[in-house]
Amino acid sequence: MDLSFGVVIILGVLTAPRPFDYHYIFVLIPILACYRYLSASISRSEITAFAVMPLLLSIKIPYYEEVFQRTWLGLAAFPRVYGGLILLWLLYRLHKRV
């Protein structure tokens, strides 16, 4: 139940119209659920993804500036989205395992 709830929270945050605001704090719930299940058994790729994911979620890049809007750097302007996708991938793997 907590893994499914975590997926719903992440999808809600990622599809929100204002993805750069404070509501990323809601992702803390799935992070804690993921940590709970990963502490039992974990592979090297999962531990790497779990280490990178909070870093991506904590970075705040002003993607609305012109350098990100008009250049190829716009692809890297959404680290929180990538962190959320990594967390979704981890929860998917854990859901298959449980």
C-alpha atoms as a PDB file:
ATOM      1  CA  MET A   1       0.000   0.000   0.000  1.00  0.00           C
ATOM      2  CA  ASP A   2       2.735   2.496   0.856  1.00  0.00           C
ATOM      3  CA  LEU A   3       4.570   1.829  -2.430  1.00  0.00           C
ATOM      4  CA  SER A   4       1.399   2.486  -4.447  1.00  0.00           C
ATOM      5  CA  PHE A   5       0.687   5.602  -2.402  1.00  0.00           C
ATOM      6  CA  GLY A   6       4.246   6.779  -3.072  1.00  0.00           C
ATOM      7  CA  VAL A   7       3.781   6.339  -6.814  1.00  0.00           C
ATOM      8  CA  VAL A   8       0.585   8.405  -6.722  1.00  0.00           C
ATOM      9  CA  ILE A   9       2.329  11.186  -4.785  1.00  0.00           C
ATOM     10  CA  ILE A  10       5.237  11.308  -7.224  1.00  0.00           C
ATOM     11  CA  LEU A  11       2.965  11.356 -10.268  1.00  0.00           C
ATOM     12  CA  GLY A  12       0.902  14.108  -8.674  1.00  0.00           C
ATOM     13  CA  VAL A  13       3.958  16.241  -8.008  1.00  0.00           C
ATOM     14  CA  LEU A  14       5.470  15.649 -11.452  1.00  0.00           C
ATOM     15  CA  THR A  15       2.290  16.520 -13.311  1.00  0.00           C
ATOM     16  CA  ALA A  16       1.475  19.600 -11.207  1.00  0.00           C
ATOM     17  CA  PRO A  17       1.368  22.852 -13.157  1.00  0.00           C
ATOM     18  CA  ARG A  18       3.956  24.492 -10.891  1.00  0.00           C
ATOM     19  CA  PRO A  19       6.725  21.897 -10.528  1.00  0.00           C
ATOM     20  CA  PHE A  20       9.338  24.296  -9.146  1.00  0.00           C
ATOM     21  CA  ASP A  21       7.574  25.190  -5.901  1.00  0.00           C
ATOM     22  CA  TYR A  22       7.631  23.876  -2.359  1.00  0.00           C
ATOM     23  CA  HIS A  23       5.309  20.922  -2.968  1.00  0.00           C
ATOM     24  CA  TYR A  24       8.299  18.682  -3.656  1.00  0.00           C
ATOM     25  CA  ILE A  25       8.335  18.114   0.105  1.00  0.00           C
ATOM     26  CA  PHE A  26       5.536  15.590  -0.500  1.00  0.00           C
ATOM     27  CA  VAL A  27       8.112  13.382  -2.231  1.00  0.00           C
ATOM     28  CA  LEU A  28       9.676  12.823   1.194  1.00  0.00           C
ATOM     29  CA  ILE A  29       6.962  10.244   1.963  1.00  0.00           C
ATOM     30  CA  PRO A  30       7.895   7.953  -0.975  1.00  0.00           C
ATOM     31  CA  ILE A  31      11.598   8.471  -0.220  1.00  0.00           C
ATOM     32  CA  LEU A  32      11.094   7.165   3.313  1.00  0.00           C
ATOM     33  CA  ALA A  33       9.026   4.220   2.040  1.00  0.00           C
ATOM     34  CA  CYS A  34      11.701   3.452  -0.529  1.00  0.00           C
ATOM     35  CA  TYR A  35      14.421   3.583   2.111  1.00  0.00           C
ATOM     36  CA  ARG A  36      12.438   1.219   4.318  1.00  0.00           C
ATOM     37  CA  TYR A  37      12.232  -1.436   1.613  1.00  0.00           C
ATOM     38  CA  LEU A  38      15.714  -0.868   0.216  1.00  0.00           C
ATOM     39  CA  SER A  39      17.317  -1.361   3.614  1.00  0.00           C
ATOM     40  CA  ALA A  40      16.362  -5.060   3.499  1.00  0.00           C
ATOM     41  CA  SER A  41      18.062  -5.981   0.210  1.00  0.00           C
ATOM     42  CA  ILE A  42      19.628  -3.714  -2.355  1.00  0.00           C
ATOM     43  CA  SER A  43      21.647  -4.020  -5.540  1.00  0.00           C
ATOM     44  CA  ARG A  44      24.492  -1.758  -6.590  1.00  0.00           C
ATOM     45  CA  SER A  45      22.371   0.003  -9.235  1.00  0.00           C
ATOM     46  CA  GLU A  46      19.603   0.658  -6.712  1.00  0.00           C
ATOM     47  CA  ILE A  47      21.967   2.135  -4.141  1.00  0.00           C
ATOM     48  CA  THR A  48      23.511   4.365  -6.801  1.00  0.00           C
ATOM     49  CA  ALA A  49      20.083   5.535  -7.945  1.00  0.00           C
ATOM     50  CA  PHE A  50      19.003   6.124  -4.343  1.00  0.00           C
ATOM     51  CA  ALA A  51      22.141   8.203  -3.718  1.00  0.00           C
ATOM     52  CA  VAL A  52      21.718  10.328  -6.859  1.00  0.00           C
ATOM     53  CA  MET A  53      17.955  10.822  -6.503  1.00  0.00           C
ATOM     54  CA  PRO A  54      17.972  13.162  -3.433  1.00  0.00           C
ATOM     55  CA  LEU A  55      20.699  15.259  -5.000  1.00  0.00           C
ATOM     56  CA  LEU A  56      18.594  15.772  -8.105  1.00  0.00           C
ATOM     57  CA  LEU A  57      15.504  16.515  -6.037  1.00  0.00           C
ATOM     58  CA  SER A  58      17.301  19.152  -3.967  1.00  0.00           C
ATOM     59  CA  ILE A  59      18.834  21.122  -6.844  1.00  0.00           C
ATOM     60  CA  LYS A  60      16.913  24.235  -7.779  1.00  0.00           C
ATOM     61  CA  ILE A  61      17.767  25.527 -11.222  1.00  0.00           C
ATOM     62  CA  PRO A  62      15.986  28.626 -12.527  1.00  0.00           C
ATOM     63  CA  TYR A  63      14.853  26.952 -15.730  1.00  0.00           C
ATOM     64  CA  TYR A  64      12.735  29.947 -16.728  1.00  0.00           C
ATOM     65  CA  GLU A  65      15.863  31.996 -17.483  1.00  0.00           C
ATOM     66  CA  GLU A  66      16.698  32.591 -21.105  1.00  0.00           C
ATOM     67  CA  VAL A  67      19.868  30.479 -21.165  1.00  0.00           C
ATOM     68  CA  PHE A  68      17.740  27.396 -20.448  1.00  0.00           C
ATOM     69  CA  GLN A  69      14.860  28.400 -22.694  1.00  0.00           C
ATOM     70  CA  ARG A  70      16.833  29.006 -25.887  1.00  0.00           C
ATOM     71  CA  THR A  71      19.715  26.520 -25.734  1.00  0.00           C
ATOM     72  CA  TRP A  72      20.223  22.782 -25.385  1.00  0.00           C
ATOM     73  CA  LEU A  73      20.801  23.332 -21.648  1.00  0.00           C
ATOM     74  CA  GLY A  74      17.020  23.274 -21.315  1.00  0.00           C
ATOM     75  CA  LEU A  75      17.195  19.463 -21.236  1.00  0.00           C
ATOM     76  CA  ALA A  76      19.187  19.591 -18.001  1.00  0.00           C
ATOM     77  CA  ALA A  77      17.047  22.306 -16.441  1.00  0.00           C
ATOM     78  CA  PHE A  78      14.649  19.913 -14.728  1.00  0.00           C
ATOM     79  CA  PRO A  79      16.698  17.863 -12.258  1.00  0.00           C
ATOM     80  CA  ARG A  80      13.700  17.441  -9.941  1.00  0.00           C
ATOM     81  CA  VAL A  81      11.766  15.716 -12.700  1.00  0.00           C
ATOM     82  CA  TYR A  82      14.675  13.348 -13.291  1.00  0.00           C
ATOM     83  CA  GLY A  83      14.966  12.691  -9.558  1.00  0.00           C
ATOM     84  CA  GLY A  84      11.253  11.929  -9.410  1.00  0.00           C
ATOM     85  CA  LEU A  85      11.560   9.528 -12.338  1.00  0.00           C
ATOM     86  CA  ILE A  86      14.437   7.739 -10.615  1.00  0.00           C
ATOM     87  CA  LEU A  87      12.299   7.421  -7.494  1.00  0.00           C
ATOM     88  CA  LEU A  88       9.443   6.024  -9.605  1.00  0.00           C
ATOM     89  CA  TRP A  89      11.842   3.481 -11.095  1.00  0.00           C
ATOM     90  CA  LEU A  90      13.016   2.441  -7.632  1.00  0.00           C
ATOM     91  CA  LEU A  91       9.455   2.078  -6.361  1.00  0.00           C
ATOM     92  CA  TYR A  92       8.580  -0.001  -9.442  1.00  0.00           C
ATOM     93  CA  ARG A  93      11.479  -2.357  -8.775  1.00  0.00           C
ATOM     94  CA  LEU A  94      10.541  -2.619  -5.114  1.00  0.00           C
ATOM     95  CA  HIS A  95       6.898  -3.266  -5.952  1.00  0.00           C
ATOM     96  CA  LYS A  96       7.926  -6.148  -8.216  1.00  0.00           C
ATOM     97  CA  ARG A  97      10.107  -7.551  -5.449  1.00  0.00           C
ATOM     98  CA  VAL A  98       7.508  -7.362  -2.652  1.00  0.00           C
END
